[in-house]
Amino acid sequence: MSKSYLTTEFPPELVLALAESDDISLSSLNSLAQTCNHLHNIIQPELDAALTPEVASEVLLDAAKTNKPEVVAKLLAPPYSVDPNAYSGNSCTPLHAAAERGHVAVVMLLLAAKADVTRTWDSRIDDDMQPLHLAVLKGHVAVARLLLERGANPNTRYGEWFRYIICDAAYRSSIEMVETLLDYNANLEQRDTHGTPLGHAVARRDLGMIEYLLRRGAEVDAEMPLYPGAQCGSFVPPFKATALYFVLSLKHPKGDGKKRNAESAPKEGREKIMKLLLMYGAKKDRAMETVKQYLTGLADAEGISEEGLLKKVDSIFASVELSK
C-alpha cells in the first residue's frame, strides 16, 4: 500500500472508525490529521466534536508534556482558545509540565498566551511549586530565564521544608543557574533549613561553587546549621557555626548516645576550602569562639584533652598558612 493511497484514497469510513476508536488518543489523532488534507478533512470534524473544554485542557496538558508545540499553538488559538492556566491531569498547569521538562518552544507559546508564571501546583505534596521552581530543580536554564523575564520571582519559598531555588541551584552545583537567578535579583543570602547557598556549597565541598559565590559577594561568615533540616529530636550543641568552623571537620559532641548526630564535613579538600574562605575574609576568631565555647564536649568527642584539641585546631590552621 503506497503512501499516496493513504493520504488521498484511504476510505473515509475506515478513517472515521479509527477516529472513533478508544485505542488512539486525541493528541495522536490530531497529529494524524495534520499529515495531509485528505485525512484532515475527514478527521477534523470528529476532533472538533470531541474537543469539549475539559477534553481540550487535557489535550493541551499532554501536548505540553510531550513537547508538541504545533498542537499547543493550535489549541491556544481560536476557535479553541484553551485557557493556559487551567488545572488538569495531576493538578498542574501546562506551563508547569513544559517547564519541568525543559520544552522551550512550548513554554514560549504558553507565555505568549498569558500563562501565569506565579500559578502554583495544586497539590498538597508539592506545596506552592511554581513553574520556575520546577525548571531550576531540573536544571533547565533557558526555561528559567524565560520565566524570570516574564516576572517569576526567584525569592519565593516553596515546599514542605521551606526551600528556595537559589539554595537548590547551589546544592546542584549549577553555576550557570545560580548566575541566572542572581541576574534577576535572587537573594544571595537566602536561607533555607540547610543554610545559605554558600552553606550548601561548603557542605558539598564544591570548591568551584564556593569560589563563585564568594566572588559574587556571599557573606563568608554566615552561620550554617549543624543539624540541617532537623524538625524534631534531641540535639547536642553547637547547633550552628560559621563555614570555617564547619570545614575544620571536628567530631561533634556525642551527648548521651541517643542524640541525633550533627553534620560534619569530611576532611577531603579541607585546606583548599579553608584557604579560600580565609582569602575572602573569613574570621578565624569566629570559628575559635565556637571551639572554645564547646571545648569540653569537642575534646571528649575527639578522645583527647582540651589542650590537645586546641593544638589540633592550631595545627590545621598552620597547615593552611603553609599552603598559601
C-alpha atoms as a PDB file:
ATOM      1  CA  MET A   1       0.000   0.000   0.000  1.00  0.00           C
ATOM      2  CA  SER A   2       1.562   3.252  -1.114  1.00  0.00           C
ATOM      3  CA  LYS A   3       1.832   6.409   0.950  1.00  0.00           C
ATOM      4  CA  SER A   4      -0.157   8.294  -1.690  1.00  0.00           C
ATOM      5  CA  TYR A   5      -3.060   5.849  -1.261  1.00  0.00           C
ATOM      6  CA  LEU A   6      -3.153   6.509   2.487  1.00  0.00           C
ATOM      7  CA  THR A   7      -3.096  10.260   2.027  1.00  0.00           C
ATOM      8  CA  THR A   8      -5.501  10.579  -0.906  1.00  0.00           C
ATOM      9  CA  GLU A   9      -7.688   7.470  -1.344  1.00  0.00           C
ATOM     10  CA  PHE A  10      -7.940   5.733   2.042  1.00  0.00           C
ATOM     11  CA  PRO A  11     -11.693   5.105   2.566  1.00  0.00           C
ATOM     12  CA  PRO A  12     -13.277   7.764   4.791  1.00  0.00           C
ATOM     13  CA  GLU A  13     -15.308   5.182   6.723  1.00  0.00           C
ATOM     14  CA  LEU A  14     -12.105   3.439   7.806  1.00  0.00           C
ATOM     15  CA  VAL A  15     -10.560   6.747   8.834  1.00  0.00           C
ATOM     16  CA  LEU A  16     -13.676   7.543  10.874  1.00  0.00           C
ATOM     17  CA  ALA A  17     -13.559   4.118  12.502  1.00  0.00           C
ATOM     18  CA  LEU A  18     -10.001   4.872  13.528  1.00  0.00           C
ATOM     19  CA  ALA A  19     -11.023   8.281  14.819  1.00  0.00           C
ATOM     20  CA  GLU A  20     -13.772   6.753  16.948  1.00  0.00           C
ATOM     21  CA  SER A  21     -11.515   4.081  18.422  1.00  0.00           C
ATOM     22  CA  ASP A  22     -10.689   4.216  22.130  1.00  0.00           C
ATOM     23  CA  ASP A  23      -7.189   2.955  21.353  1.00  0.00           C
ATOM     24  CA  ILE A  24      -5.923   6.228  19.914  1.00  0.00           C
ATOM     25  CA  SER A  25      -5.578   9.441  21.904  1.00  0.00           C
ATOM     26  CA  LEU A  26      -6.940  12.770  20.728  1.00  0.00           C
ATOM     27  CA  SER A  27      -3.393  14.094  20.654  1.00  0.00           C
ATOM     28  CA  SER A  28      -2.297  11.288  18.308  1.00  0.00           C
ATOM     29  CA  LEU A  29      -5.421  11.719  16.227  1.00  0.00           C
ATOM     30  CA  ASN A  30      -4.683  15.409  15.862  1.00  0.00           C
ATOM     31  CA  SER A  31      -1.146  14.591  14.701  1.00  0.00           C
ATOM     32  CA  LEU A  32      -2.603  12.211  12.105  1.00  0.00           C
ATOM     33  CA  ALA A  33      -4.979  14.917  10.895  1.00  0.00           C
ATOM     34  CA  GLN A  34      -2.039  17.206  10.188  1.00  0.00           C
ATOM     35  CA  THR A  35      -0.355  14.772   7.786  1.00  0.00           C
ATOM     36  CA  CYS A  36      -2.413  15.662   4.697  1.00  0.00           C
ATOM     37  CA  ASN A  37      -5.557  17.429   3.509  1.00  0.00           C
ATOM     38  CA  HIS A  38      -7.378  14.150   2.841  1.00  0.00           C
ATOM     39  CA  LEU A  39      -7.091  12.938   6.422  1.00  0.00           C
ATOM     40  CA  HIS A  40      -7.542  16.431   7.855  1.00  0.00           C
ATOM     41  CA  ASN A  41     -10.889  16.886   6.089  1.00  0.00           C
ATOM     42  CA  ILE A  42     -12.157  13.586   7.462  1.00  0.00           C
ATOM     43  CA  ILE A  43     -10.767  13.697  11.000  1.00  0.00           C
ATOM     44  CA  GLN A  44     -11.076  17.379  11.893  1.00  0.00           C
ATOM     45  CA  PRO A  45     -14.882  17.373  12.325  1.00  0.00           C
ATOM     46  CA  GLU A  46     -14.538  14.406  14.683  1.00  0.00           C
ATOM     47  CA  LEU A  47     -11.884  16.236  16.648  1.00  0.00           C
ATOM     48  CA  ASP A  48     -14.000  19.371  16.869  1.00  0.00           C
ATOM     49  CA  ALA A  49     -16.957  17.371  18.169  1.00  0.00           C
ATOM     50  CA  ALA A  50     -14.891  15.561  20.784  1.00  0.00           C
ATOM     51  CA  LEU A  51     -12.955  18.601  21.953  1.00  0.00           C
ATOM     52  CA  THR A  52     -15.071  19.837  24.847  1.00  0.00           C
ATOM     53  CA  PRO A  53     -13.395  22.464  27.078  1.00  0.00           C
ATOM     54  CA  GLU A  54     -12.468  19.779  29.614  1.00  0.00           C
ATOM     55  CA  VAL A  55     -11.022  17.464  26.982  1.00  0.00           C
ATOM     56  CA  ALA A  56      -9.195  20.346  25.298  1.00  0.00           C
ATOM     57  CA  SER A  57      -7.466  21.188  28.592  1.00  0.00           C
ATOM     58  CA  GLU A  58      -6.323  17.582  28.933  1.00  0.00           C
ATOM     59  CA  VAL A  59      -5.012  17.544  25.362  1.00  0.00           C
ATOM     60  CA  LEU A  60      -3.164  20.830  25.942  1.00  0.00           C
ATOM     61  CA  LEU A  61      -1.525  19.423  29.072  1.00  0.00           C
ATOM     62  CA  ASP A  62      -0.491  16.275  27.211  1.00  0.00           C
ATOM     63  CA  ALA A  63       0.924  18.318  24.322  1.00  0.00           C
ATOM     64  CA  ALA A  64       2.901  20.463  26.781  1.00  0.00           C
ATOM     65  CA  LYS A  65       4.321  17.345  28.428  1.00  0.00           C
ATOM     66  CA  THR A  66       5.256  15.625  25.172  1.00  0.00           C
ATOM     67  CA  ASN A  67       6.734  18.725  23.504  1.00  0.00           C
ATOM     68  CA  LYS A  68       4.269  19.217  20.662  1.00  0.00           C
ATOM     69  CA  PRO A  69       4.365  22.977  20.012  1.00  0.00           C
ATOM     70  CA  GLU A  70       2.208  22.696  16.886  1.00  0.00           C
ATOM     71  CA  VAL A  71      -0.626  21.149  18.920  1.00  0.00           C
ATOM     72  CA  VAL A  72      -0.163  23.684  21.718  1.00  0.00           C
ATOM     73  CA  ALA A  73      -0.308  26.584  19.245  1.00  0.00           C
ATOM     74  CA  LYS A  74      -3.482  25.219  17.665  1.00  0.00           C
ATOM     75  CA  LEU A  75      -5.281  24.752  20.988  1.00  0.00           C
ATOM     76  CA  LEU A  76      -4.324  28.183  22.289  1.00  0.00           C
ATOM     77  CA  ALA A  77      -5.605  29.926  19.151  1.00  0.00           C
ATOM     78  CA  PRO A  78      -9.243  30.433  18.056  1.00  0.00           C
ATOM     79  CA  PRO A  79     -11.598  28.692  17.720  1.00  0.00           C
ATOM     80  CA  TYR A  80     -10.378  26.620  20.691  1.00  0.00           C
ATOM     81  CA  SER A  81      -8.695  29.324  22.792  1.00  0.00           C
ATOM     82  CA  VAL A  82      -7.949  26.897  25.621  1.00  0.00           C
ATOM     83  CA  ASP A  83      -7.140  28.581  28.930  1.00  0.00           C
ATOM     84  CA  PRO A  84      -3.377  28.064  29.504  1.00  0.00           C
ATOM     85  CA  ASN A  85      -3.882  28.493  33.250  1.00  0.00           C
ATOM     86  CA  ALA A  86      -6.453  25.756  33.748  1.00  0.00           C
ATOM     87  CA  TYR A  87      -5.546  22.909  36.070  1.00  0.00           C
ATOM     88  CA  SER A  88      -5.923  19.409  34.707  1.00  0.00           C
ATOM     89  CA  GLY A  89      -4.470  15.947  34.991  1.00  0.00           C
ATOM     90  CA  ASN A  90      -2.463  15.753  38.192  1.00  0.00           C
ATOM     91  CA  SER A  91      -3.376  19.323  39.182  1.00  0.00           C
ATOM     92  CA  CYS A  92      -0.602  21.104  37.305  1.00  0.00           C
ATOM     93  CA  THR A  93      -0.885  23.649  34.519  1.00  0.00           C
ATOM     94  CA  PRO A  94       0.606  23.181  31.034  1.00  0.00           C
ATOM     95  CA  LEU A  95       3.327  25.680  31.981  1.00  0.00           C
ATOM     96  CA  HIS A  96       4.343  23.508  34.945  1.00  0.00           C
ATOM     97  CA  ALA A  97       4.540  20.478  32.655  1.00  0.00           C
ATOM     98  CA  ALA A  98       6.600  22.205  29.963  1.00  0.00           C
ATOM     99  CA  ALA A  99       8.920  23.963  32.423  1.00  0.00           C
ATOM    100  CA  GLU A 100       9.679  20.748  34.281  1.00  0.00           C
ATOM    101  CA  ARG A 101      10.693  19.046  31.037  1.00  0.00           C
ATOM    102  CA  GLY A 102      12.606  21.952  29.522  1.00  0.00           C
ATOM    103  CA  HIS A 103      10.374  22.375  26.456  1.00  0.00           C
ATOM    104  CA  VAL A 104      11.451  25.875  25.439  1.00  0.00           C
ATOM    105  CA  ALA A 105       9.196  26.290  22.382  1.00  0.00           C
ATOM    106  CA  VAL A 106       6.113  25.193  24.319  1.00  0.00           C
ATOM    107  CA  VAL A 107       6.968  27.499  27.222  1.00  0.00           C
ATOM    108  CA  MET A 108       7.277  30.427  24.804  1.00  0.00           C
ATOM    109  CA  LEU A 109       3.856  29.689  23.301  1.00  0.00           C
ATOM    110  CA  LEU A 110       2.222  29.422  26.720  1.00  0.00           C
ATOM    111  CA  LEU A 111       3.808  32.657  27.903  1.00  0.00           C
ATOM    112  CA  ALA A 112       2.651  34.421  24.743  1.00  0.00           C
ATOM    113  CA  ALA A 113      -0.865  33.220  25.615  1.00  0.00           C
ATOM    114  CA  LYS A 114      -0.511  34.853  29.051  1.00  0.00           C
ATOM    115  CA  ALA A 115       0.191  31.741  31.086  1.00  0.00           C
ATOM    116  CA  ASP A 116       0.596  32.750  34.735  1.00  0.00           C
ATOM    117  CA  VAL A 117       4.189  32.247  35.910  1.00  0.00           C
ATOM    118  CA  THR A 118       3.085  32.509  39.546  1.00  0.00           C
ATOM    119  CA  ARG A 119       0.451  29.760  39.404  1.00  0.00           C
ATOM    120  CA  THR A 120       1.258  27.072  41.970  1.00  0.00           C
ATOM    121  CA  TRP A 121       0.947  23.318  41.642  1.00  0.00           C
ATOM    122  CA  ASP A 122      -2.475  22.437  43.046  1.00  0.00           C
ATOM    123  CA  SER A 123      -1.313  19.613  45.288  1.00  0.00           C
ATOM    124  CA  ARG A 124      -0.642  19.156  48.971  1.00  0.00           C
ATOM    125  CA  ILE A 125       2.550  17.264  48.137  1.00  0.00           C
ATOM    126  CA  ASP A 126       4.173  19.972  46.003  1.00  0.00           C
ATOM    127  CA  ASP A 127       3.368  22.961  48.212  1.00  0.00           C
ATOM    128  CA  ASP A 128       3.494  26.282  46.364  1.00  0.00           C
ATOM    129  CA  MET A 129       5.521  24.825  43.485  1.00  0.00           C
ATOM    130  CA  GLN A 130       5.685  27.305  40.595  1.00  0.00           C
ATOM    131  CA  PRO A 131       6.962  26.621  37.049  1.00  0.00           C
ATOM    132  CA  LEU A 132      10.253  28.392  37.848  1.00  0.00           C
ATOM    133  CA  HIS A 133      10.903  26.071  40.784  1.00  0.00           C
ATOM    134  CA  LEU A 134      10.499  23.034  38.534  1.00  0.00           C
ATOM    135  CA  ALA A 135      12.747  24.472  35.827  1.00  0.00           C
ATOM    136  CA  VAL A 136      15.509  25.151  38.362  1.00  0.00           C
ATOM    137  CA  LEU A 137      15.211  21.764  40.057  1.00  0.00           C
ATOM    138  CA  LYS A 138      15.522  20.039  36.676  1.00  0.00           C
ATOM    139  CA  GLY A 139      18.381  22.278  35.531  1.00  0.00           C
ATOM    140  CA  HIS A 140      16.633  23.948  32.575  1.00  0.00           C
ATOM    141  CA  VAL A 141      18.455  27.288  32.457  1.00  0.00           C
ATOM    142  CA  ALA A 142      16.872  28.562  29.221  1.00  0.00           C
ATOM    143  CA  VAL A 143      13.368  27.934  30.549  1.00  0.00           C
ATOM    144  CA  ALA A 144      14.221  29.520  33.894  1.00  0.00           C
ATOM    145  CA  ARG A 145      15.421  32.650  32.118  1.00  0.00           C
ATOM    146  CA  LEU A 146      12.210  32.867  30.061  1.00  0.00           C
ATOM    147  CA  LEU A 147      10.109  32.638  33.219  1.00  0.00           C
ATOM    148  CA  LEU A 148      12.232  35.215  35.030  1.00  0.00           C
ATOM    149  CA  GLU A 149      11.911  37.577  32.074  1.00  0.00           C
ATOM    150  CA  ARG A 150       8.129  37.290  32.444  1.00  0.00           C
ATOM    151  CA  GLY A 151       8.224  38.226  36.105  1.00  0.00           C
ATOM    152  CA  ALA A 152       8.705  34.968  38.006  1.00  0.00           C
ATOM    153  CA  ASN A 153      10.032  35.734  41.488  1.00  0.00           C
ATOM    154  CA  PRO A 154      13.310  33.923  42.300  1.00  0.00           C
ATOM    155  CA  ASN A 155      12.850  34.531  46.034  1.00  0.00           C
ATOM    156  CA  THR A 156       9.561  32.754  46.716  1.00  0.00           C
ATOM    157  CA  ARG A 157       9.569  29.930  49.229  1.00  0.00           C
ATOM    158  CA  TYR A 158       8.130  26.548  48.289  1.00  0.00           C
ATOM    159  CA  GLY A 159       7.813  23.003  49.524  1.00  0.00           C
ATOM    160  CA  GLU A 160       7.045  21.497  52.892  1.00  0.00           C
ATOM    161  CA  TRP A 161      10.614  22.208  54.052  1.00  0.00           C
ATOM    162  CA  PHE A 162      10.641  25.892  53.074  1.00  0.00           C
ATOM    163  CA  ARG A 163      13.043  25.703  50.161  1.00  0.00           C
ATOM    164  CA  TYR A 164      14.457  28.416  47.900  1.00  0.00           C
ATOM    165  CA  ILE A 165      15.641  27.859  44.352  1.00  0.00           C
ATOM    166  CA  ILE A 166      18.971  29.658  44.699  1.00  0.00           C
ATOM    167  CA  CYS A 167      19.862  27.257  47.511  1.00  0.00           C
ATOM    168  CA  ASP A 168      18.769  24.307  45.372  1.00  0.00           C
ATOM    169  CA  ALA A 169      20.805  25.564  42.411  1.00  0.00           C
ATOM    170  CA  ALA A 170      23.895  25.917  44.611  1.00  0.00           C
ATOM    171  CA  TYR A 171      23.334  22.440  46.034  1.00  0.00           C
ATOM    172  CA  ARG A 172      23.140  21.044  42.497  1.00  0.00           C
ATOM    173  CA  SER A 173      26.448  22.683  41.541  1.00  0.00           C
ATOM    174  CA  SER A 174      24.899  24.721  38.717  1.00  0.00           C
ATOM    175  CA  ILE A 175      26.890  27.940  38.493  1.00  0.00           C
ATOM    176  CA  GLU A 176      25.030  28.892  35.300  1.00  0.00           C
ATOM    177  CA  MET A 177      21.679  28.570  37.070  1.00  0.00           C
ATOM    178  CA  VAL A 178      22.851  30.496  40.142  1.00  0.00           C
ATOM    179  CA  GLU A 179      24.191  33.230  37.870  1.00  0.00           C
ATOM    180  CA  THR A 180      20.868  33.406  36.017  1.00  0.00           C
ATOM    181  CA  LEU A 181      18.941  33.727  39.282  1.00  0.00           C
ATOM    182  CA  LEU A 182      21.288  36.420  40.564  1.00  0.00           C
ATOM    183  CA  ASP A 183      20.840  38.322  37.291  1.00  0.00           C
ATOM    184  CA  TYR A 184      17.176  38.603  38.273  1.00  0.00           C
ATOM    185  CA  ASN A 185      17.812  39.703  41.851  1.00  0.00           C
ATOM    186  CA  ALA A 186      17.755  36.416  43.718  1.00  0.00           C
ATOM    187  CA  ASN A 187      18.820  36.903  47.329  1.00  0.00           C
ATOM    188  CA  LEU A 188      22.376  35.603  47.714  1.00  0.00           C
ATOM    189  CA  GLU A 189      21.861  35.280  51.473  1.00  0.00           C
ATOM    190  CA  GLN A 190      18.558  33.424  51.215  1.00  0.00           C
ATOM    191  CA  ARG A 191      18.432  30.811  53.939  1.00  0.00           C
ATOM    192  CA  ASP A 192      16.568  27.516  53.982  1.00  0.00           C
ATOM    193  CA  THR A 193      16.750  24.713  56.519  1.00  0.00           C
ATOM    194  CA  HIS A 194      20.248  23.876  55.241  1.00  0.00           C
ATOM    195  CA  GLY A 195      21.565  27.447  55.356  1.00  0.00           C
ATOM    196  CA  THR A 196      22.609  29.915  52.653  1.00  0.00           C
ATOM    197  CA  PRO A 197      23.742  28.968  49.131  1.00  0.00           C
ATOM    198  CA  LEU A 198      27.329  29.233  50.389  1.00  0.00           C
ATOM    199  CA  GLY A 199      26.475  26.857  53.217  1.00  0.00           C
ATOM    200  CA  HIS A 200      25.156  24.327  50.699  1.00  0.00           C
ATOM    201  CA  ALA A 201      28.327  24.609  48.619  1.00  0.00           C
ATOM    202  CA  VAL A 202      30.595  24.256  51.650  1.00  0.00           C
ATOM    203  CA  ALA A 203      28.683  21.211  52.897  1.00  0.00           C
ATOM    204  CA  ARG A 204      29.236  19.583  49.484  1.00  0.00           C
ATOM    205  CA  ARG A 205      32.906  20.664  49.337  1.00  0.00           C
ATOM    206  CA  ASP A 206      32.132  22.258  45.961  1.00  0.00           C
ATOM    207  CA  LEU A 207      35.204  24.446  45.516  1.00  0.00           C
ATOM    208  CA  GLY A 208      34.044  25.943  42.212  1.00  0.00           C
ATOM    209  CA  MET A 209      30.666  26.971  43.594  1.00  0.00           C
ATOM    210  CA  ILE A 210      32.220  28.267  46.827  1.00  0.00           C
ATOM    211  CA  GLU A 211      34.600  30.498  44.887  1.00  0.00           C
ATOM    212  CA  TYR A 212      31.850  31.726  42.554  1.00  0.00           C
ATOM    213  CA  LEU A 213      29.517  32.646  45.433  1.00  0.00           C
ATOM    214  CA  LEU A 214      32.295  34.428  47.298  1.00  0.00           C
ATOM    215  CA  ARG A 215      33.197  36.402  44.166  1.00  0.00           C
ATOM    216  CA  ARG A 216      29.559  37.437  43.903  1.00  0.00           C
ATOM    217  CA  GLY A 217      29.679  38.768  47.451  1.00  0.00           C
ATOM    218  CA  ALA A 218      28.321  35.950  49.613  1.00  0.00           C
ATOM    219  CA  GLU A 219      28.735  36.543  53.363  1.00  0.00           C
ATOM    220  CA  VAL A 220      31.755  34.385  54.152  1.00  0.00           C
ATOM    221  CA  ASP A 221      30.966  34.073  57.863  1.00  0.00           C
ATOM    222  CA  ALA A 222      27.246  33.358  57.527  1.00  0.00           C
ATOM    223  CA  GLU A 223      26.360  30.645  60.005  1.00  0.00           C
ATOM    224  CA  MET A 224      25.468  27.136  58.861  1.00  0.00           C
ATOM    225  CA  PRO A 225      23.055  24.837  60.718  1.00  0.00           C
ATOM    226  CA  LEU A 226      24.874  21.770  62.029  1.00  0.00           C
ATOM    227  CA  TYR A 227      21.611  19.801  62.083  1.00  0.00           C
ATOM    228  CA  PRO A 228      20.294  20.699  58.605  1.00  0.00           C
ATOM    229  CA  GLY A 229      16.630  20.048  58.048  1.00  0.00           C
ATOM    230  CA  ALA A 230      16.026  18.873  61.610  1.00  0.00           C
ATOM    231  CA  GLN A 231      12.474  19.473  62.800  1.00  0.00           C
ATOM    232  CA  CYS A 232      12.345  17.328  65.924  1.00  0.00           C
ATOM    233  CA  GLY A 233      14.532  15.191  68.177  1.00  0.00           C
ATOM    234  CA  SER A 234      17.253  15.802  70.731  1.00  0.00           C
ATOM    235  CA  PHE A 235      20.343  17.722  69.743  1.00  0.00           C
ATOM    236  CA  VAL A 236      23.717  18.450  71.280  1.00  0.00           C
ATOM    237  CA  PRO A 237      25.259  21.914  70.789  1.00  0.00           C
ATOM    238  CA  PRO A 238      26.728  23.633  68.918  1.00  0.00           C
ATOM    239  CA  PHE A 239      23.695  23.913  66.691  1.00  0.00           C
ATOM    240  CA  LYS A 240      25.196  26.310  64.148  1.00  0.00           C
ATOM    241  CA  ALA A 241      28.585  27.745  63.261  1.00  0.00           C
ATOM    242  CA  THR A 242      30.474  29.552  60.511  1.00  0.00           C
ATOM    243  CA  ALA A 243      31.626  27.766  57.382  1.00  0.00           C
ATOM    244  CA  LEU A 244      35.223  27.994  58.591  1.00  0.00           C
ATOM    245  CA  TYR A 245      34.356  26.077  61.754  1.00  0.00           C
ATOM    246  CA  PHE A 246      32.377  23.525  59.730  1.00  0.00           C
ATOM    247  CA  VAL A 247      35.331  22.830  57.431  1.00  0.00           C
ATOM    248  CA  LEU A 248      37.584  22.113  60.432  1.00  0.00           C
ATOM    249  CA  SER A 249      35.755  18.754  60.424  1.00  0.00           C
ATOM    250  CA  LEU A 250      35.871  18.288  64.185  1.00  0.00           C
ATOM    251  CA  LYS A 251      33.872  15.459  65.681  1.00  0.00           C
ATOM    252  CA  HIS A 252      30.656  16.702  67.220  1.00  0.00           C
ATOM    253  CA  PRO A 253      29.904  16.232  70.943  1.00  0.00           C
ATOM    254  CA  LYS A 254      28.207  12.868  71.453  1.00  0.00           C
ATOM    255  CA  GLY A 255      25.712  13.669  74.200  1.00  0.00           C
ATOM    256  CA  ASP A 256      24.076  10.668  75.853  1.00  0.00           C
ATOM    257  CA  GLY A 257      24.279   8.397  72.829  1.00  0.00           C
ATOM    258  CA  LYS A 258      20.598   8.865  71.971  1.00  0.00           C
ATOM    259  CA  LYS A 259      21.038  12.287  70.443  1.00  0.00           C
ATOM    260  CA  ARG A 260      20.892  12.913  66.738  1.00  0.00           C
ATOM    261  CA  ASN A 261      24.331  13.293  65.164  1.00  0.00           C
ATOM    262  CA  ALA A 262      25.250  16.685  63.755  1.00  0.00           C
ATOM    263  CA  GLU A 263      26.504  17.027  60.210  1.00  0.00           C
ATOM    264  CA  SER A 264      30.250  17.370  59.882  1.00  0.00           C
ATOM    265  CA  ALA A 265      32.411  17.986  56.850  1.00  0.00           C
ATOM    266  CA  PRO A 266      34.705  15.240  55.541  1.00  0.00           C
ATOM    267  CA  LYS A 267      38.382  16.134  55.659  1.00  0.00           C
ATOM    268  CA  GLU A 268      38.903  15.861  51.891  1.00  0.00           C
ATOM    269  CA  GLY A 269      39.677  19.263  50.398  1.00  0.00           C
ATOM    270  CA  ARG A 270      39.685  20.913  53.818  1.00  0.00           C
ATOM    271  CA  GLU A 271      42.816  23.020  53.354  1.00  0.00           C
ATOM    272  CA  LYS A 272      41.782  24.309  49.921  1.00  0.00           C
ATOM    273  CA  ILE A 273      38.358  25.376  51.166  1.00  0.00           C
ATOM    274  CA  MET A 274      39.734  26.954  54.347  1.00  0.00           C
ATOM    275  CA  LYS A 275      42.327  28.816  52.314  1.00  0.00           C
ATOM    276  CA  LEU A 276      39.617  30.164  50.016  1.00  0.00           C
ATOM    277  CA  LEU A 277      37.363  31.203  52.905  1.00  0.00           C
ATOM    278  CA  LEU A 278      40.230  32.979  54.662  1.00  0.00           C
ATOM    279  CA  MET A 279      41.229  34.716  51.439  1.00  0.00           C
ATOM    280  CA  TYR A 280      37.712  36.195  51.224  1.00  0.00           C
ATOM    281  CA  GLY A 281      37.809  37.433  54.798  1.00  0.00           C
ATOM    282  CA  ALA A 282      36.575  34.573  56.980  1.00  0.00           C
ATOM    283  CA  LYS A 283      37.485  35.304  60.591  1.00  0.00           C
ATOM    284  CA  LYS A 284      39.464  32.666  62.425  1.00  0.00           C
ATOM    285  CA  ASP A 285      38.306  34.217  65.707  1.00  0.00           C
ATOM    286  CA  ARG A 286      34.663  33.397  64.886  1.00  0.00           C
ATOM    287  CA  ALA A 287      35.499  29.736  64.389  1.00  0.00           C
ATOM    288  CA  MET A 288      37.624  29.671  67.532  1.00  0.00           C
ATOM    289  CA  GLU A 289      34.769  31.168  69.568  1.00  0.00           C
ATOM    290  CA  THR A 290      32.737  28.053  68.804  1.00  0.00           C
ATOM    291  CA  VAL A 291      35.674  25.763  69.575  1.00  0.00           C
ATOM    292  CA  LYS A 292      36.314  27.400  72.936  1.00  0.00           C
ATOM    293  CA  GLN A 293      32.651  27.614  73.915  1.00  0.00           C
ATOM    294  CA  TYR A 294      32.163  23.864  73.432  1.00  0.00           C
ATOM    295  CA  LEU A 295      35.742  22.807  74.147  1.00  0.00           C
ATOM    296  CA  THR A 296      34.966  20.105  76.714  1.00  0.00           C
ATOM    297  CA  GLY A 297      32.432  18.281  74.547  1.00  0.00           C
ATOM    298  CA  LEU A 298      34.542  18.605  71.404  1.00  0.00           C
ATOM    299  CA  ALA A 299      37.650  17.287  73.146  1.00  0.00           C
ATOM    300  CA  ASP A 300      35.696  14.360  74.550  1.00  0.00           C
ATOM    301  CA  ALA A 301      34.330  13.532  71.092  1.00  0.00           C
ATOM    302  CA  GLU A 302      37.877  13.578  69.676  1.00  0.00           C
ATOM    303  CA  GLY A 303      39.129  11.441  72.572  1.00  0.00           C
ATOM    304  CA  ILE A 304      41.842  13.933  73.532  1.00  0.00           C
ATOM    305  CA  SER A 305      42.398  16.567  76.195  1.00  0.00           C
ATOM    306  CA  GLU A 306      41.132  20.113  75.822  1.00  0.00           C
ATOM    307  CA  GLU A 307      44.714  21.278  75.370  1.00  0.00           C
ATOM    308  CA  GLY A 308      45.202  18.584  72.747  1.00  0.00           C
ATOM    309  CA  LEU A 309      42.136  19.739  70.837  1.00  0.00           C
ATOM    310  CA  LEU A 310      43.345  23.342  70.774  1.00  0.00           C
ATOM    311  CA  LYS A 311      46.716  22.165  69.464  1.00  0.00           C
ATOM    312  CA  LYS A 312      44.970  20.121  66.790  1.00  0.00           C
ATOM    313  CA  VAL A 313      42.962  23.130  65.611  1.00  0.00           C
ATOM    314  CA  ASP A 314      46.080  25.321  65.638  1.00  0.00           C
ATOM    315  CA  SER A 315      47.913  22.747  63.520  1.00  0.00           C
ATOM    316  CA  ILE A 316      45.076  22.719  60.980  1.00  0.00           C
ATOM    317  CA  PHE A 317      45.224  26.499  60.613  1.00  0.00           C
ATOM    318  CA  ALA A 318      49.032  26.335  60.451  1.00  0.00           C
ATOM    319  CA  SER A 319      48.886  23.834  57.583  1.00  0.00           C
ATOM    320  CA  VAL A 320      46.575  26.190  55.706  1.00  0.00           C
ATOM    321  CA  GLU A 321      49.021  29.059  56.239  1.00  0.00           C
ATOM    322  CA  LEU A 322      51.878  26.927  54.918  1.00  0.00           C
ATOM    323  CA  SER A 323      49.911  26.044  51.791  1.00  0.00           C
ATOM    324  CA  LYS A 324      49.479  29.703  50.780  1.00  0.00           C
END
